[in-house]
Amino acid sequence: MTRDASDNAVVEPAVSGKGRKYLLVLAKAAVTLAIVYWLVSSVNFGMVGRILTQARHVYLLLSCLLLTAVFLIGCLRWRMLIGHLGLIIPMRQALPSYYLGMFFNNFLPTGVGGDLARTIHLKLHGHGIKPLISSALADRTIGLAVMLLLGGISLLLSPELRLDPDRKLYLAGLIGLGLAGGVVLFWFSNRLPLDSLSRRYRHTRLRRGLIEIVHLLTTYRTALRQVFAAVLLSIVMQSLVIAAYYLLARGIGIELSLITFFAFVSMVQVAASLPISLGGLGVREGVLVALLAGVGVDIQLGVALSLLFLLTIWLCSLPGAIVMLLGRTRRGAQPAKQAS
């Protein structure tokens, strides 16, 4: 009797944890469906279809090339950050893992993010999990910081938005405060009491592991060359993504300045990175359409642009599906080989 009770006590948290996971996925699906419904109910899809058929296909091809370059540069940036932690990963391993992560980010409606997918993929190749997690966190943090910085500066300079002087001053203050806070946090990260925390939680595997990951992150303070190079690569990546949006917009007749796209795309990407929808689907499109409508772009054109970019990012992420299928094929073939 006591054994049954203890078994129930062990099983119940696992079941409730799985239930919370399903609820989270359902909540994300609800957000995605709500935004998609708003777009569908607000749009004349006959007109959107005509816009898409009249789009200049050469711009779609150029946008695919730009996003492919973004993926390659992103892989180089991540590989460089991993290298600082002592893991030398050949490009033939890093690139498939990176593409797998992009596929997870853009296609699969799961609670597993692309960063975790690429980390696990490299772990299966025998690389240490803690350096992989730390480098992925550094990679994501640097990319997000550059995204916010470029977006904020572009908001100040956009000719279409015409912010009043008070708002420009407020925004400039926020940018300066964010930069100062980031520099202070980065420079004084070695002051964190990680050694004492590690001793305190040395018998708890999860907490000790998290402390070790944070400790690895603080070592980037001594890798200024790699961090600076990662920032520059992030600027190039963000510029190429925005150029892809800009070309697609020009291809369907949206005439906005490039600097405005720097502001809008940065806000779209920040919104899409929030864990509130399935792979950013719906949020990315809804925010873009709303921002474009705010500067006078017809909603049909905004939806057409969002669909074109969605098609482009899906096309460029498809190699990740091949990586996943090959991995499943190899795992499925391994037992048969052993049996023979």
Foldseek 3Di string as FASTA:
>chain_A
DVVVVVVCVVVVVVVVVVVVQVVLLVQQAVLQVVLVVVLVVVDDVVVLVVLLVQFDVVLLVLLLVLVLVLLVLLLVLLQLLLVVVPDNDDPVLSSLLSLLQLCQLQPDSGPDHSLNSSLVSVVVVVDDNLSSNLSSVLLVVLLLLLLVLLLLVLCLVFPLNPDDPVVNVVSVVVSVVVVVVVVVCLQCVVVDPLVVQLVVCVVPVVSNSVSVSSVSNNCCSVVVVSSVVSNVSSNSSLLSNLVSLVSSLVRSPNDGDSSVSSNQQSVLVVQLPDSRHRSSNSSSLSSQLVVCVVSPDDSSSSNSSVVSVSVSSNVSSVSNVVSVVVVVVVVVCVVVVVVD
